[in-house]
């Protein structure tokens, strides 16, 4: 590696000499081609999950206003080894940073940072490692305490008489710190590699900001540690991991702890003064207000497989009393139209209505009422998966220990009390009670807008401390622990996002009457059970063949 880097520097120097680029007074940086981006979800299908931000950070506005000669000038007062390192750094920046900084999206920020400090080295002083670099190296060597791998953040020696080696070590240290900050903030594993039923707005820290933080920090350890989650739940898991390792307890438990710590990196750092936390493997929901649990209840979550409840953080904006259930298009396509093809009265028997629109599409819905699949209340936090929390007429399921029965939504055991707790936080002057909410029951849909929106976090905690401070574990219901552990052991690349179609379709469904060919297809393809109905595995809708798939937005 060293020989390759020296060749890189030598070739760069020759090119600069031939073009006159080494002159600090005349050189201007070559424009860099923009890095290809993985797009976030757009209005048109297919939608893909937006990965952690890979956009190259813009240089500070003060730099943009400066002429090229000034931004490429060396810092005044540099002498000896520092001046030599700065000159080499300037040459590299003018030519465009390459392999020394692994991620293309980091390079513009690194260049802007070094320009802003006149290319003075950050990690060495007078040809020797600086106290700042020693502190960073010591911290990175203990990254395993937070479930990270210290081998991902190598610390070079940063000493010696060779300028080229000092420059190499300078950029290697910069690269290690940037990698750590990204992993600590957004995870060693990209959530998109774990499941299509996970989505978080997860901007990666920008390179220029990270390096400026390192340069200005009074305590470098605190500055680096700030990229880790600061949630109390995360810190408790970290302490438990240290205990498990010290006692040489189960390696499997250590893996579980690390997987849970990894998922906390995806969750927003600020949960909200008041917020709702769903723990899917625990089948519980709790309201937290000013750091304390205000209320908790049992829930039913999504089935294992394609109907798993997603992981996300969104904002609850309103509560609907006497909700109408508008059947999601995916269920219309994959379940109800095939059922109607076999039995035209099937939907009437379960209280569903169907209307045919002039454009050929259909709407299937269930009017408000005590038998409505959503029960009497729905809690709305708009999201790409079309899931929500709601009441249910199937109260008997809450008595079961394992409660994964829904299509992805969360059924709440005590919805009137849930509404009371939320409204007492968001609009206490209106004095909502469970009894007042019940008096609103009827046949007309009514919305109560929350005056203060409440963050909702759908989490997957298989290891956690309960409100009494007792350590708890739960089975890996959806297999997320296993997937994360496998990815962490699989080497580099786990932090690179992949495209996912995370957006449930709301496109209207076009339907036509079944034909004799449909009957033949159904006989060939067989059938599958959906509740009490025998539903065809394949059915033609508007000329297209649809197969059963994820049905988010369905309450049962």
Protein backbone atom coordinates (compact mmCIF):
# COMPACT_ATOMS: atom_id res chain seq x y z
CA UNK A 1 0.00 0.00 0.00
CA UNK A 2 2.82 2.35 0.88
CA UNK A 3 4.52 1.88 -2.49
CA UNK A 4 1.24 2.49 -4.31
CA UNK A 5 0.63 5.70 -2.37
CA UNK A 6 4.17 6.96 -3.08
CA UNK A 7 3.65 6.27 -6.79
CA UNK A 8 0.35 8.17 -6.57
CA UNK A 9 2.07 11.17 -4.99
CA UNK A 10 4.93 11.04 -7.51
CA UNK A 11 2.59 10.94 -10.49
CA UNK A 12 0.53 13.75 -8.99
CA UNK A 13 3.63 15.90 -8.52
CA UNK A 14 4.76 15.32 -12.11
CA UNK A 15 1.34 16.23 -13.48
CA UNK A 16 1.21 19.35 -11.36
CA UNK A 17 4.67 20.38 -12.44
CA UNK A 18 3.81 19.91 -16.13
CA UNK A 19 0.57 21.87 -15.84
CA UNK A 20 1.82 24.52 -13.46
CA UNK A 21 -0.74 23.30 -10.96
CA UNK A 22 1.78 23.30 -8.08
CA UNK A 23 1.73 27.06 -7.98
CA UNK A 24 -0.38 28.17 -5.05
CA UNK A 25 -1.11 31.47 -6.83
CA UNK A 26 -2.48 30.08 -10.09
CA UNK A 27 -3.87 26.62 -9.42
CA UNK A 28 -7.60 25.98 -9.22
CA UNK A 29 -9.20 22.68 -8.32
CA UNK A 30 -10.39 20.42 -11.10
CA UNK A 31 -14.16 20.00 -11.09
CA UNK A 32 -15.14 16.63 -9.66
CA UNK A 33 -17.78 14.46 -11.25
CA UNK A 34 -20.78 14.07 -8.95
CA UNK A 35 -21.10 10.72 -7.23
CA UNK A 36 -24.04 8.59 -8.38
CA UNK A 37 -26.86 8.76 -5.85
CA UNK A 38 -29.37 6.16 -4.76
CA UNK A 39 -32.64 8.00 -5.03
CA UNK A 40 -35.13 8.22 -2.23
CA UNK A 41 -38.82 7.47 -2.67
CA UNK A 42 -40.57 9.47 -5.34
CA UNK A 43 -44.19 9.92 -6.23
CA UNK A 44 -43.96 7.49 -9.16
CA UNK A 45 -43.58 3.77 -8.55
CA UNK A 46 -41.45 1.84 -7.90
CA UNK A 47 -40.40 3.52 -4.68
CA UNK A 48 -37.05 2.79 -3.09
CA UNK A 49 -35.78 3.37 0.40
CA UNK A 50 -33.62 6.43 0.75
CA UNK A 51 -30.23 5.31 2.09
CA UNK A 52 -28.12 7.29 4.52
CA UNK A 53 -27.19 10.52 2.80
CA UNK A 54 -24.34 10.06 0.35
CA UNK A 55 -24.45 13.60 -0.98
CA UNK A 56 -21.06 15.25 -0.93
CA UNK A 57 -21.26 18.06 1.63
CA UNK A 58 -20.98 21.55 0.26
CA UNK A 59 -18.03 23.65 1.27
CA UNK A 60 -18.84 26.38 3.78
CA UNK A 61 -20.24 29.58 2.31
CA UNK A 62 -17.18 31.51 3.43
CA UNK A 63 -15.01 29.30 1.24
CA UNK A 64 -17.21 29.78 -1.80
CA UNK A 65 -16.70 33.52 -1.60
CA UNK A 66 -12.90 33.26 -1.59
CA UNK A 67 -10.80 33.30 -4.78
CA UNK A 68 -8.98 30.07 -5.68
CA UNK A 69 -5.56 31.57 -4.88
CA UNK A 70 -6.62 32.33 -1.32
CA UNK A 71 -8.30 28.96 -0.66
CA UNK A 72 -5.21 27.14 -1.95
CA UNK A 73 -2.80 29.19 0.15
CA UNK A 74 -0.89 27.51 2.96
CA UNK A 75 -1.61 28.59 6.50
CA UNK A 76 0.81 31.28 7.69
CA UNK A 77 3.41 30.27 10.23
CA UNK A 78 3.83 26.65 9.12
CA UNK A 79 7.43 25.48 9.25
CA UNK A 80 9.47 22.32 8.89
CA UNK A 81 7.55 19.05 8.62
CA UNK A 82 4.18 20.79 9.01
CA UNK A 83 4.86 23.03 6.02
CA UNK A 84 6.02 20.08 3.93
CA UNK A 85 2.92 18.04 4.81
CA UNK A 86 0.67 21.00 4.08
CA UNK A 87 2.24 21.51 0.65
CA UNK A 88 1.70 17.85 -0.24
CA UNK A 89 -1.87 17.97 1.03
CA UNK A 90 -2.51 21.03 -1.10
CA UNK A 91 -1.15 19.24 -4.17
CA UNK A 92 -3.44 16.29 -3.55
CA UNK A 93 -6.48 18.48 -3.01
CA UNK A 94 -5.79 20.49 -6.16
CA UNK A 95 -5.51 17.26 -8.14
CA UNK A 96 -8.60 15.83 -6.46
CA UNK A 97 -8.50 13.37 -3.59
CA UNK A 98 -8.78 9.76 -4.58
CA UNK A 99 -8.04 6.50 -2.83
CA UNK A 100 -6.75 7.98 0.45
CA UNK A 101 -10.38 8.91 1.25
CA UNK A 102 -12.40 5.79 0.52
CA UNK A 103 -15.88 7.24 0.01
CA UNK A 104 -16.30 9.62 -2.89
CA UNK A 105 -19.05 11.42 -1.02
CA UNK A 106 -16.56 12.38 1.72
CA UNK A 107 -13.90 13.85 -0.55
CA UNK A 108 -15.44 17.26 -1.21
CA UNK A 109 -15.93 17.79 2.52
CA UNK A 110 -12.35 16.72 3.29
CA UNK A 111 -11.01 19.07 0.63
CA UNK A 112 -13.10 21.96 1.98
CA UNK A 113 -11.91 21.29 5.53
CA UNK A 114 -8.21 21.27 4.67
CA UNK A 115 -8.54 24.34 2.44
CA UNK A 116 -10.21 26.21 5.28
CA UNK A 117 -7.22 25.55 7.57
CA UNK A 118 -4.60 26.33 4.94
CA UNK A 119 -3.83 22.58 4.61
CA UNK A 120 -2.28 22.44 8.08
CA UNK A 121 -2.19 18.81 9.27
CA UNK A 122 -4.83 17.81 11.80
CA UNK A 123 -3.22 14.70 13.25
CA UNK A 124 0.52 15.44 13.37
CA UNK A 125 2.75 18.25 14.64
CA UNK A 126 6.40 18.80 13.75
CA UNK A 127 6.59 15.36 12.14
CA UNK A 128 5.19 13.47 15.16
CA UNK A 129 1.79 12.25 16.23
CA UNK A 130 -0.25 14.97 17.95
CA UNK A 131 -2.07 14.62 21.29
CA UNK A 132 -5.34 14.88 19.32
CA UNK A 133 -4.35 11.89 17.19
CA UNK A 134 -3.29 9.88 20.24
CA UNK A 135 -6.67 10.50 21.86
CA UNK A 136 -8.50 9.52 18.67
CA UNK A 137 -6.43 6.35 18.23
CA UNK A 138 -7.07 5.30 21.83
CA UNK A 139 -10.80 5.87 21.48
CA UNK A 140 -11.08 4.00 18.15
CA UNK A 141 -9.15 1.04 19.56
CA UNK A 142 -11.97 0.56 22.08
CA UNK A 143 -14.83 0.80 19.57
CA UNK A 144 -15.84 -2.77 20.37
CA UNK A 145 -17.33 -1.50 23.63
CA UNK A 146 -20.14 -0.11 21.48
CA UNK A 147 -20.44 -3.18 19.30
CA UNK A 148 -18.25 -1.77 16.52
CA UNK A 149 -15.09 -3.36 15.10
CA UNK A 150 -11.83 -1.48 15.85
CA UNK A 151 -10.29 -3.07 12.74
CA UNK A 152 -12.56 -0.82 10.65
CA UNK A 153 -10.80 2.26 12.04
CA UNK A 154 -7.02 1.67 11.86
CA UNK A 155 -4.80 4.33 13.42
CA UNK A 156 -1.48 4.95 11.59
CA UNK A 157 1.78 5.85 13.34
CA UNK A 158 1.86 9.49 12.18
CA UNK A 159 5.58 9.93 12.71
CA UNK A 160 8.79 9.78 10.73
CA UNK A 161 10.98 11.91 8.47
CA UNK A 162 9.24 11.05 5.17
CA UNK A 163 6.75 13.69 4.11
CA UNK A 164 4.88 11.31 1.81
CA UNK A 165 4.36 8.87 4.68
CA UNK A 166 3.14 11.62 6.99
CA UNK A 167 0.62 12.71 4.35
CA UNK A 168 -0.48 9.11 3.87
CA UNK A 169 -0.97 8.70 7.61
CA UNK A 170 -2.77 12.05 7.89
CA UNK A 171 -5.39 11.04 5.34
CA UNK A 172 -5.62 7.49 6.70
CA UNK A 173 -6.45 8.86 10.14
CA UNK A 174 -8.99 11.24 8.64
CA UNK A 175 -10.58 8.33 6.77
CA UNK A 176 -10.76 6.21 9.95
CA UNK A 177 -12.44 8.99 11.94
CA UNK A 178 -14.98 9.59 9.16
CA UNK A 179 -15.77 5.87 8.95
CA UNK A 180 -16.27 5.70 12.70
CA UNK A 181 -18.54 8.76 12.78
CA UNK A 182 -20.70 7.32 10.01
CA UNK A 183 -20.97 3.87 11.65
CA UNK A 184 -21.63 5.32 15.10
CA UNK A 185 -24.34 7.64 13.75
CA UNK A 186 -26.07 5.46 11.12
CA UNK A 187 -24.85 1.91 11.78
CA UNK A 188 -22.38 -0.62 10.48
CA UNK A 189 -25.37 -2.29 8.83
CA UNK A 190 -27.64 -0.39 6.46
CA UNK A 191 -31.26 -0.96 7.49
CA UNK A 192 -32.16 -1.52 3.84
CA UNK A 193 -30.06 -4.71 3.85
CA UNK A 194 -32.03 -6.14 6.76
CA UNK A 195 -35.59 -5.85 5.46
CA UNK A 196 -37.81 -3.96 3.07
CA UNK A 197 -40.09 -3.33 6.07
CA UNK A 198 -37.70 -0.83 7.64
CA UNK A 199 -37.31 2.84 6.81
CA UNK A 200 -35.72 5.75 8.63
CA UNK A 201 -34.70 9.22 7.53
CA UNK A 202 -31.04 8.72 8.35
CA UNK A 203 -28.64 11.44 7.16
CA UNK A 204 -24.98 10.52 7.52
CA UNK A 205 -22.70 13.05 9.22
CA UNK A 206 -20.95 15.29 6.71
CA UNK A 207 -17.20 14.98 6.44
CA UNK A 208 -16.39 18.68 6.85
CA UNK A 209 -18.56 18.88 9.97
CA UNK A 210 -16.96 15.81 11.55
CA UNK A 211 -13.42 17.09 10.97
CA UNK A 212 -14.30 20.57 12.21
CA UNK A 213 -15.71 18.94 15.34
CA UNK A 214 -12.43 17.08 15.84
CA UNK A 215 -10.36 20.22 15.31
CA UNK A 216 -12.38 22.37 17.71
CA UNK A 217 -13.13 19.86 20.47
CA UNK A 218 -11.77 20.50 23.94
CA UNK A 219 -12.20 16.79 24.70
CA UNK A 220 -11.76 14.61 21.63
CA UNK A 221 -13.17 11.56 23.40
CA UNK A 222 -16.44 13.38 24.10
CA UNK A 223 -16.55 14.62 20.52
CA UNK A 224 -16.20 11.09 19.11
CA UNK A 225 -18.57 9.60 21.67
CA UNK A 226 -21.26 12.09 20.67
CA UNK A 227 -21.81 10.15 17.43
CA UNK A 228 -23.08 7.15 19.38
CA UNK A 229 -26.74 7.05 20.43
CA UNK A 230 -27.23 8.77 23.77
CA UNK A 231 -30.58 7.12 24.54
CA UNK A 232 -30.78 5.64 28.01
CA UNK A 233 -31.87 2.33 26.47
CA UNK A 234 -28.71 2.20 24.33
CA UNK A 235 -26.43 3.08 27.23
CA UNK A 236 -28.01 0.33 29.35
CA UNK A 237 -27.37 -2.23 26.58
CA UNK A 238 -23.77 -1.07 26.31
CA UNK A 239 -23.25 -1.64 30.04
CA UNK A 240 -24.87 -5.06 29.76
CA UNK A 241 -22.56 -5.98 26.86
CA UNK A 242 -19.52 -5.13 28.99
CA UNK A 243 -20.91 -7.31 31.80
CA UNK A 244 -21.57 -10.25 29.49
CA UNK A 245 -18.07 -10.07 28.05
CA UNK A 246 -16.41 -9.69 31.46
CA UNK A 247 -18.22 -12.74 32.80
CA UNK A 248 -17.59 -14.65 29.56
CA UNK A 249 -21.27 -15.39 29.28
CA UNK A 250 -23.13 -16.55 26.19
CA UNK A 251 -21.70 -15.31 22.90
CA UNK A 252 -25.24 -15.52 21.52
CA UNK A 253 -26.42 -13.00 24.12
CA UNK A 254 -23.57 -10.67 23.17
CA UNK A 255 -24.67 -10.92 19.52
CA UNK A 256 -28.24 -10.11 20.54
CA UNK A 257 -27.11 -7.06 22.48
CA UNK A 258 -25.00 -5.81 19.58
CA UNK A 259 -27.89 -6.28 17.12
CA UNK A 260 -30.17 -4.24 19.37
CA UNK A 261 -27.52 -1.52 19.80
CA UNK A 262 -27.17 -1.42 16.01
CA UNK A 263 -30.89 -0.79 15.58
CA UNK A 264 -30.78 2.08 18.08
CA UNK A 265 -28.40 3.82 15.65
CA UNK A 266 -31.25 3.99 13.12
CA UNK A 267 -33.68 5.67 15.52
CA UNK A 268 -33.75 9.50 15.67
CA UNK A 269 -31.42 10.88 18.33
CA UNK A 270 -34.25 13.04 19.66
CA UNK A 271 -37.23 10.82 20.45
CA UNK A 272 -39.45 13.72 21.47
CA UNK A 273 -40.41 15.27 24.80
CA UNK A 274 -43.52 13.12 24.61
CA UNK A 275 -43.48 10.10 22.30
CA UNK A 276 -44.86 6.64 21.67
CA UNK A 277 -42.65 3.55 21.57
CA UNK A 278 -43.87 0.25 20.16
CA UNK A 279 -41.72 -2.78 20.95
CA UNK A 280 -42.76 -5.35 18.36
CA UNK A 281 -41.22 -8.53 19.88
CA UNK A 282 -42.63 -7.55 23.30
CA UNK A 283 -46.12 -6.89 21.85
CA UNK A 284 -46.36 -3.66 23.83
CA UNK A 285 -46.92 0.05 23.30
CA UNK A 286 -46.01 2.75 25.78
CA UNK A 287 -46.40 6.51 25.98
CA UNK A 288 -43.37 8.33 27.37
CA UNK A 289 -43.72 11.88 28.69
CA UNK A 290 -40.70 13.87 29.86
CA UNK A 291 -38.56 10.80 30.30
CA UNK A 292 -41.05 8.65 32.21
CA UNK A 293 -43.50 6.00 31.06
CA UNK A 294 -46.95 7.56 31.34
CA UNK A 295 -48.96 4.56 30.15
CA UNK A 296 -48.52 1.14 28.54
CA UNK A 297 -50.76 -1.46 26.93
CA UNK A 298 -50.74 -4.72 25.01
CA UNK A 299 -50.87 -4.78 21.23
CA UNK A 300 -51.24 -7.24 18.36
CA UNK A 301 -48.55 -6.91 15.67
CA UNK A 302 -48.04 -8.13 12.12
CA UNK A 303 -47.63 -11.75 11.15
CA UNK A 304 -44.19 -13.20 10.50
CA UNK A 305 -43.22 -12.81 6.84
CA UNK A 306 -44.57 -10.39 4.30
CA UNK A 307 -47.05 -8.88 6.76
CA UNK A 308 -44.52 -8.01 9.48
CA UNK A 309 -45.04 -4.70 11.26
CA UNK A 310 -42.45 -2.27 9.85
CA UNK A 311 -39.76 -0.39 11.77
CA UNK A 312 -40.06 3.39 11.40
CA UNK A 313 -40.28 6.74 13.13
CA UNK A 314 -43.13 9.03 12.12
CA UNK A 315 -45.45 11.59 13.70
CA UNK A 316 -48.99 11.06 14.98
CA UNK A 317 -51.14 13.94 13.78
CA UNK A 318 -54.77 13.01 14.46
CA UNK A 319 -57.12 10.45 15.94
CA UNK A 320 -60.16 9.16 14.05
CA UNK A 321 -63.26 8.14 15.96
CA UNK A 322 -65.72 5.87 14.09
CA UNK A 323 -63.25 5.17 11.29
CA UNK A 324 -64.18 3.84 7.88
CA UNK A 325 -61.85 1.08 6.78
CA UNK A 326 -60.83 1.72 3.17
CA UNK A 327 -59.36 -1.57 2.06
CA UNK A 328 -55.82 -1.09 0.72
CA UNK A 329 -55.34 -1.78 -3.01
CA UNK A 330 -52.99 -4.69 -2.30
CA UNK A 331 -55.73 -6.54 -0.39
CA UNK A 332 -58.33 -5.70 -3.04
CA UNK A 333 -56.07 -7.12 -5.74
CA UNK A 334 -54.80 -10.15 -3.93
CA UNK A 335 -57.66 -11.23 -1.69
CA UNK A 336 -61.06 -9.64 -2.13
CA UNK A 337 -61.54 -9.55 -5.90
CA UNK A 338 -60.54 -13.20 -6.18
CA UNK A 339 -63.00 -13.98 -3.36
CA UNK A 340 -65.76 -12.10 -5.18
CA UNK A 341 -65.01 -14.05 -8.34
CA UNK A 342 -65.86 -17.24 -6.46
CA UNK A 343 -68.65 -15.90 -4.27
CA UNK A 344 -70.32 -12.55 -5.08
CA UNK A 345 -71.83 -12.36 -1.59
CA UNK A 346 -68.60 -12.98 0.33
CA UNK A 347 -67.91 -9.36 1.24
CA UNK A 348 -71.49 -8.55 2.24
CA UNK A 349 -71.37 -11.22 4.88
CA UNK A 350 -68.46 -9.54 6.65
CA UNK A 351 -69.88 -6.02 6.34
CA UNK A 352 -67.77 -4.76 3.41
CA UNK A 353 -69.18 -2.54 0.67
CA UNK A 354 -68.00 -2.24 -2.90
CA UNK A 355 -68.48 0.67 -5.31
CA UNK A 356 -67.56 0.76 -8.99
CA UNK A 357 -66.22 4.03 -10.33
CA UNK A 358 -66.67 5.42 -13.82
CA UNK A 359 -62.99 4.88 -14.66
CA UNK A 360 -63.30 1.14 -14.06
CA UNK A 361 -61.67 1.08 -10.64
CA UNK A 362 -63.30 -0.24 -7.49
CA UNK A 363 -63.42 0.86 -3.87
CA UNK A 364 -64.02 -1.64 -1.09
CA UNK A 365 -64.70 -0.26 2.36
CA UNK A 366 -66.28 -1.05 5.71
CA UNK A 367 -68.50 1.66 7.23
CA UNK A 368 -68.09 2.74 10.86
CA UNK A 369 -69.59 0.50 13.51
CA UNK A 370 -68.83 -1.88 16.33
CA UNK A 371 -67.98 -4.68 13.90
CA UNK A 372 -65.60 -2.52 11.86
CA UNK A 373 -62.20 -4.20 11.55
CA UNK A 374 -60.60 -1.01 12.94
CA UNK A 375 -62.94 -0.98 15.91
CA UNK A 376 -64.01 2.46 17.07
CA UNK A 377 -60.72 4.40 17.00
CA UNK A 378 -57.75 4.76 14.68
CA UNK A 379 -54.48 6.55 15.56
CA UNK A 380 -52.92 8.13 12.50
CA UNK A 381 -49.23 8.70 11.85
CA UNK A 382 -48.98 8.90 8.03
CA UNK A 383 -46.22 6.68 6.64
CA UNK A 384 -45.07 4.92 3.50
CA UNK A 385 -46.24 1.51 4.76
CA UNK A 386 -49.85 2.66 5.33
CA UNK A 387 -49.90 1.20 8.83
CA UNK A 388 -51.57 2.68 11.89
CA UNK A 389 -52.73 1.79 15.39
CA UNK A 390 -56.36 1.00 16.03
CA UNK A 391 -59.07 -0.63 18.10
CA UNK A 392 -60.29 -4.12 17.19
CA UNK A 393 -63.41 -6.22 17.73
CA UNK A 394 -61.16 -9.27 18.32
CA UNK A 395 -60.44 -8.53 21.97
CA UNK A 396 -59.74 -12.17 22.84
CA UNK A 397 -56.34 -12.05 21.12
CA UNK A 398 -54.89 -9.81 23.85
CA UNK A 399 -55.03 -12.71 26.32
CA UNK A 400 -52.48 -14.64 24.27
CA UNK A 401 -48.75 -14.43 24.99
CA UNK A 402 -47.74 -14.42 21.32
CA UNK A 403 -49.74 -11.83 19.40
CA UNK A 404 -48.54 -11.64 15.77
CA UNK A 405 -51.81 -11.83 13.84
CA UNK A 406 -52.29 -8.62 11.87
CA UNK A 407 -51.42 -7.55 8.32
CA UNK A 408 -48.88 -5.07 9.74
CA UNK A 409 -51.00 -2.60 11.72
CA UNK A 410 -51.01 -2.54 15.51
CA UNK A 411 -54.23 -3.36 17.38
CA UNK A 412 -54.40 -1.61 20.75
CA UNK A 413 -55.98 -3.32 23.77
CA UNK A 414 -57.27 -0.16 25.50
CA UNK A 415 -57.75 2.43 22.75
CA UNK A 416 -60.02 4.81 24.70
CA UNK A 417 -57.44 5.10 27.47
CA UNK A 418 -54.73 5.53 24.83
CA UNK A 419 -56.68 8.43 23.35
CA UNK A 420 -57.14 9.97 26.80
CA UNK A 421 -53.42 9.79 27.57
CA UNK A 422 -52.40 11.30 24.23
CA UNK A 423 -54.97 14.10 24.35
CA UNK A 424 -54.11 14.96 27.96
CA UNK A 425 -50.58 15.65 26.69
CA UNK A 426 -51.42 17.46 23.45
CA UNK A 427 -54.46 19.50 24.55
CA UNK A 428 -54.94 19.22 28.33
CA UNK A 429 -57.33 22.19 28.47
CA UNK A 430 -59.93 20.24 26.48
CA UNK A 431 -60.16 17.61 29.25
CA UNK A 432 -60.66 14.53 27.11
CA UNK A 433 -61.36 11.33 29.05
CA UNK A 434 -61.96 7.74 27.96
CA UNK A 435 -65.65 8.22 28.77
CA UNK A 436 -65.87 11.37 26.66
CA UNK A 437 -64.27 9.56 23.74
CA UNK A 438 -66.75 6.68 24.08
CA UNK A 439 -69.65 9.14 23.92
CA UNK A 440 -68.42 10.12 20.44
CA UNK A 441 -69.11 6.63 19.12
CA UNK A 442 -71.64 6.54 16.32
CA UNK A 443 -71.98 6.16 12.58
CA UNK A 444 -70.20 9.36 11.50
CA UNK A 445 -66.43 9.51 11.16
CA UNK A 446 -64.86 12.25 13.33
CA UNK A 447 -61.25 13.43 13.52
CA UNK A 448 -59.51 14.94 16.55
CA UNK A 449 -56.44 16.85 15.41
CA UNK A 450 -53.55 16.77 17.86
CA UNK A 451 -52.49 20.32 18.71
CA UNK A 452 -49.00 18.98 19.41
CA UNK A 453 -47.87 16.16 17.15
CA UNK A 454 -46.49 13.08 18.89
CA UNK A 455 -43.49 11.14 17.49
CA UNK A 456 -44.18 7.42 17.10
CA UNK A 457 -41.27 4.97 17.05
CA UNK A 458 -41.92 1.39 15.95
CA UNK A 459 -38.93 -0.48 17.35
CA UNK A 460 -37.68 -4.05 17.50
CA UNK A 461 -36.13 -4.65 20.91
CA UNK A 462 -35.30 -8.26 21.71
CA UNK A 463 -33.05 -7.12 24.59
CA UNK A 464 -34.01 -4.24 26.86
CA UNK A 465 -34.45 -3.10 30.45
CA UNK A 466 -38.02 -2.72 31.63
CA UNK A 467 -39.35 0.18 33.69
CA UNK A 468 -38.37 -1.65 36.88
CA UNK A 469 -34.77 -1.86 35.69
CA UNK A 470 -34.90 -5.61 35.02
CA UNK A 471 -33.08 -6.99 31.98
CA UNK A 472 -35.44 -8.67 29.51
CA UNK A 473 -35.01 -10.68 26.32
CA UNK A 474 -37.60 -11.70 23.73
CA UNK A 475 -37.58 -14.19 20.84
CA UNK A 476 -36.33 -12.89 17.49
CA UNK A 477 -39.84 -12.81 16.00
CA UNK A 478 -38.95 -11.55 12.51
CA UNK A 479 -35.34 -12.76 12.38
CA UNK A 480 -33.86 -9.26 12.36
CA UNK A 481 -31.24 -10.16 15.00
CA UNK A 482 -30.01 -13.08 12.96
CA UNK A 483 -29.84 -11.03 9.76
CA UNK A 484 -27.88 -8.20 11.41
CA UNK A 485 -25.44 -10.64 13.03
CA UNK A 486 -24.83 -12.37 9.70
CA UNK A 487 -24.23 -9.03 7.98
CA UNK A 488 -21.81 -7.89 10.67
CA UNK A 489 -19.83 -11.08 10.26
CA UNK A 490 -19.89 -10.87 6.50
CA UNK A 491 -17.21 -8.21 6.20
CA UNK A 492 -17.19 -4.91 4.38
CA UNK A 493 -20.16 -3.60 2.44
CA UNK A 494 -22.89 -4.14 5.04
CA UNK A 495 -23.16 -0.36 5.48
CA UNK A 496 -23.85 0.19 1.77
CA UNK A 497 -27.59 0.71 1.17
CA UNK A 498 -29.56 -1.25 -1.40
CA UNK A 499 -32.70 -0.15 -3.23
CA UNK A 500 -35.96 -1.32 -1.69
CA UNK A 501 -39.58 -0.85 -2.70
CA UNK A 502 -40.79 0.32 0.70
CA UNK A 503 -43.87 2.24 -0.45
CA UNK A 504 -47.22 0.48 -0.24
CA UNK A 505 -49.21 1.18 -3.36
CA UNK A 506 -52.30 3.37 -3.16
CA UNK A 507 -52.99 3.08 -6.89
CA UNK A 508 -56.69 2.40 -7.58
CA UNK A 509 -57.51 -1.14 -8.68
CA UNK A 510 -59.16 -1.76 -12.03
CA UNK A 511 -61.29 -4.90 -12.23
CA UNK A 512 -63.27 -6.83 -14.80
CA UNK A 513 -65.72 -9.66 -14.56
CA UNK A 514 -64.22 -13.15 -14.23
CA UNK A 515 -64.10 -15.32 -17.36
CA UNK A 516 -64.10 -19.03 -18.10
CA UNK A 517 -60.32 -18.80 -18.54
CA UNK A 518 -60.07 -17.44 -14.99
CA UNK A 519 -61.87 -20.55 -13.74
CA UNK A 520 -59.43 -22.76 -15.63
CA UNK A 521 -56.47 -20.81 -14.23
CA UNK A 522 -57.79 -21.16 -10.70
CA UNK A 523 -58.20 -24.89 -11.07
CA UNK A 524 -54.64 -25.16 -12.36
CA UNK A 525 -53.09 -22.86 -9.78
CA UNK A 526 -54.92 -24.17 -6.69
CA UNK A 527 -56.13 -22.11 -3.82
CA UNK A 528 -54.95 -20.77 -0.49
CA UNK A 529 -56.80 -20.06 2.73
CA UNK A 530 -57.40 -16.48 3.85
CA UNK A 531 -59.48 -16.53 7.01
CA UNK A 532 -62.63 -18.50 6.28
CA UNK A 533 -62.53 -17.86 2.52
CA UNK A 534 -60.97 -19.97 -0.20
CA UNK A 535 -59.19 -17.38 -2.36
CA UNK A 536 -57.71 -17.93 -5.79
CA UNK A 537 -53.94 -17.74 -5.94
CA UNK A 538 -54.00 -15.86 -9.24
CA UNK A 539 -56.56 -13.49 -10.70
CA UNK A 540 -56.60 -11.16 -13.70
CA UNK A 541 -57.16 -7.47 -12.89
CA UNK A 542 -57.22 -4.95 -15.68
CA UNK A 543 -55.22 -7.28 -17.92
CA UNK A 544 -52.42 -7.91 -15.36
CA UNK A 545 -51.71 -10.95 -13.23
CA UNK A 546 -51.39 -10.30 -9.52
CA UNK A 547 -49.96 -12.58 -6.88
CA UNK A 548 -50.41 -12.41 -3.09
CA UNK A 549 -47.92 -9.97 -1.55
CA UNK A 550 -47.52 -7.56 1.37
CA UNK A 551 -50.85 -6.13 2.48
CA UNK A 552 -49.97 -3.21 4.75
CA UNK A 553 -52.82 -1.11 5.92
CA UNK A 554 -54.96 -4.14 6.69
CA UNK A 555 -56.24 -4.39 10.25
CA UNK A 556 -56.66 -8.15 10.37
